[in-house]
Amino acid sequence: MDVRNANPARAWPLPVLRLSIRDVVQTLAELYGHDRVNLVRYEPKDSVEAVFGRFPELDDGEPRALGLKDDESPQALVRRALGEAE
């Protein structure tokens, strides 16, 4: 898709990394130390899953075709989320 032909009135979803909570915790451990990994428990929680766990996978093909990008790595995502520019 050519960005010049994109509808300027359309809302585009941002491209995303598809990570599990376990992936995020592992990335945090790699960046900031493995000593707290055992403090995390993985248990289903119906109220959280009802809000976040039942959505279909986001189709970000068109925004990527326009040149929009995701964070490129779990490490970059965590650093940006915590306000640590790379």
C-alpha atoms as a PDB file:
ATOM      1  CA  MET A   1       0.000   0.000   0.000  1.00  0.00           C
ATOM      2  CA  ASP A   2       1.282   3.430  -0.922  1.00  0.00           C
ATOM      3  CA  VAL A   3       1.010   5.983   1.881  1.00  0.00           C
ATOM      4  CA  ARG A   4      -0.100   8.585  -0.677  1.00  0.00           C
ATOM      5  CA  ASN A   5      -3.259   6.542  -1.287  1.00  0.00           C
ATOM      6  CA  ALA A   6      -4.072   6.001   2.396  1.00  0.00           C
ATOM      7  CA  ASN A   7      -7.317   7.460   3.668  1.00  0.00           C
ATOM      8  CA  PRO A   8      -6.314  10.302   6.051  1.00  0.00           C
ATOM      9  CA  ALA A   9      -9.635  10.012   7.903  1.00  0.00           C
ATOM     10  CA  ARG A  10      -9.050   6.368   8.815  1.00  0.00           C
ATOM     11  CA  ALA A  11      -7.709   5.276  12.180  1.00  0.00           C
ATOM     12  CA  TRP A  12      -4.832   2.827  11.787  1.00  0.00           C
ATOM     13  CA  PRO A  13      -3.858   0.361  14.509  1.00  0.00           C
ATOM     14  CA  LEU A  14      -0.209   0.544  15.388  1.00  0.00           C
ATOM     15  CA  PRO A  15       1.876  -2.524  14.559  1.00  0.00           C
ATOM     16  CA  VAL A  16       2.380  -4.691  17.611  1.00  0.00           C
ATOM     17  CA  LEU A  17       4.711  -7.290  19.008  1.00  0.00           C
ATOM     18  CA  ARG A  18       2.816 -10.415  19.998  1.00  0.00           C
ATOM     19  CA  LEU A  19       4.185 -11.359  23.410  1.00  0.00           C
ATOM     20  CA  SER A  20       2.866 -13.415  26.262  1.00  0.00           C
ATOM     21  CA  ILE A  21       3.107 -12.206  29.842  1.00  0.00           C
ATOM     22  CA  ARG A  22       5.789 -14.868  30.303  1.00  0.00           C
ATOM     23  CA  ASP A  23       7.744 -13.291  27.416  1.00  0.00           C
ATOM     24  CA  VAL A  24       7.532  -9.863  29.057  1.00  0.00           C
ATOM     25  CA  VAL A  25       8.598 -11.217  32.458  1.00  0.00           C
ATOM     26  CA  GLN A  26      11.529 -13.053  30.854  1.00  0.00           C
ATOM     27  CA  THR A  27      12.582  -9.857  29.080  1.00  0.00           C
ATOM     28  CA  LEU A  28      12.403  -7.904  32.347  1.00  0.00           C
ATOM     29  CA  ALA A  29      14.563 -10.580  33.983  1.00  0.00           C
ATOM     30  CA  GLU A  30      17.118 -10.435  31.183  1.00  0.00           C
ATOM     31  CA  LEU A  31      17.343  -6.652  31.475  1.00  0.00           C
ATOM     32  CA  TYR A  32      17.118  -6.168  35.235  1.00  0.00           C
ATOM     33  CA  GLY A  33      18.094  -9.452  36.881  1.00  0.00           C
ATOM     34  CA  HIS A  34      16.738 -12.953  37.233  1.00  0.00           C
ATOM     35  CA  ASP A  35      16.446 -12.767  41.018  1.00  0.00           C
ATOM     36  CA  ARG A  36      12.732 -11.889  40.974  1.00  0.00           C
ATOM     37  CA  VAL A  37      11.423 -14.258  38.323  1.00  0.00           C
ATOM     38  CA  ASN A  38      10.261 -16.720  40.972  1.00  0.00           C
ATOM     39  CA  LEU A  39       8.045 -14.037  42.516  1.00  0.00           C
ATOM     40  CA  VAL A  40       5.740 -14.197  39.483  1.00  0.00           C
ATOM     41  CA  ARG A  41       2.902 -16.715  39.353  1.00  0.00           C
ATOM     42  CA  TYR A  42       0.975 -17.561  36.222  1.00  0.00           C
ATOM     43  CA  GLU A  43      -2.644 -18.255  37.003  1.00  0.00           C
ATOM     44  CA  PRO A  44      -5.724 -17.623  34.891  1.00  0.00           C
ATOM     45  CA  LYS A  45      -7.838 -14.707  36.054  1.00  0.00           C
ATOM     46  CA  ASP A  46     -11.281 -14.617  34.487  1.00  0.00           C
ATOM     47  CA  SER A  47     -11.765 -10.861  34.848  1.00  0.00           C
ATOM     48  CA  VAL A  48      -8.493 -10.100  33.049  1.00  0.00           C
ATOM     49  CA  GLU A  49      -9.036 -12.698  30.361  1.00  0.00           C
ATOM     50  CA  ALA A  50     -12.540 -11.382  29.734  1.00  0.00           C
ATOM     51  CA  VAL A  51     -11.097  -7.961  28.901  1.00  0.00           C
ATOM     52  CA  PHE A  52      -7.856  -8.845  27.136  1.00  0.00           C
ATOM     53  CA  GLY A  53      -7.740 -12.529  26.335  1.00  0.00           C
ATOM     54  CA  ARG A  54     -10.644 -12.981  23.996  1.00  0.00           C
ATOM     55  CA  PHE A  55      -9.952 -10.467  21.271  1.00  0.00           C
ATOM     56  CA  PRO A  56      -9.008 -11.755  17.813  1.00  0.00           C
ATOM     57  CA  GLU A  57      -5.421 -11.239  16.729  1.00  0.00           C
ATOM     58  CA  LEU A  58      -4.880  -7.674  15.528  1.00  0.00           C
ATOM     59  CA  ASP A  59      -4.382  -7.421  11.776  1.00  0.00           C
ATOM     60  CA  ASP A  60      -1.645  -4.838  11.392  1.00  0.00           C
ATOM     61  CA  GLY A  61      -0.719  -5.703   7.811  1.00  0.00           C
ATOM     62  CA  GLU A  62      -1.957  -2.450   6.277  1.00  0.00           C
ATOM     63  CA  PRO A  63      -0.222  -0.169   8.784  1.00  0.00           C
ATOM     64  CA  ARG A  64       3.003  -2.137   8.261  1.00  0.00           C
ATOM     65  CA  ALA A  65       2.566  -1.721   4.513  1.00  0.00           C
ATOM     66  CA  LEU A  66       2.340   2.030   5.134  1.00  0.00           C
ATOM     67  CA  GLY A  67       5.702   1.875   6.899  1.00  0.00           C
ATOM     68  CA  LEU A  68       4.549   1.940  10.532  1.00  0.00           C
ATOM     69  CA  LYS A  69       6.685  -0.267  12.790  1.00  0.00           C
ATOM     70  CA  ASP A  70       6.462  -2.023  16.122  1.00  0.00           C
ATOM     71  CA  ASP A  71       9.087  -1.724  18.878  1.00  0.00           C
ATOM     72  CA  GLU A  72      11.239  -4.302  17.031  1.00  0.00           C
ATOM     73  CA  SER A  73      12.126  -6.347  20.130  1.00  0.00           C
ATOM     74  CA  PRO A  74      10.759  -7.182  23.572  1.00  0.00           C
ATOM     75  CA  GLN A  75      13.775  -5.405  25.086  1.00  0.00           C
ATOM     76  CA  ALA A  76      13.028  -2.166  23.201  1.00  0.00           C
ATOM     77  CA  LEU A  77       9.353  -2.363  24.141  1.00  0.00           C
ATOM     78  CA  VAL A  78      10.165  -2.708  27.863  1.00  0.00           C
ATOM     79  CA  ARG A  79      12.747   0.071  27.796  1.00  0.00           C
ATOM     80  CA  ARG A  80      10.377   2.453  26.030  1.00  0.00           C
ATOM     81  CA  ALA A  81       7.489   1.539  28.332  1.00  0.00           C
ATOM     82  CA  LEU A  82       9.695   2.322  31.332  1.00  0.00           C
ATOM     83  CA  GLY A  83      10.913   5.604  29.829  1.00  0.00           C
ATOM     84  CA  GLU A  84      14.408   4.387  29.017  1.00  0.00           C
ATOM     85  CA  ALA A  85      15.259   5.537  25.513  1.00  0.00           C
ATOM     86  CA  GLU A  86      17.716   3.330  23.644  1.00  0.00           C
END
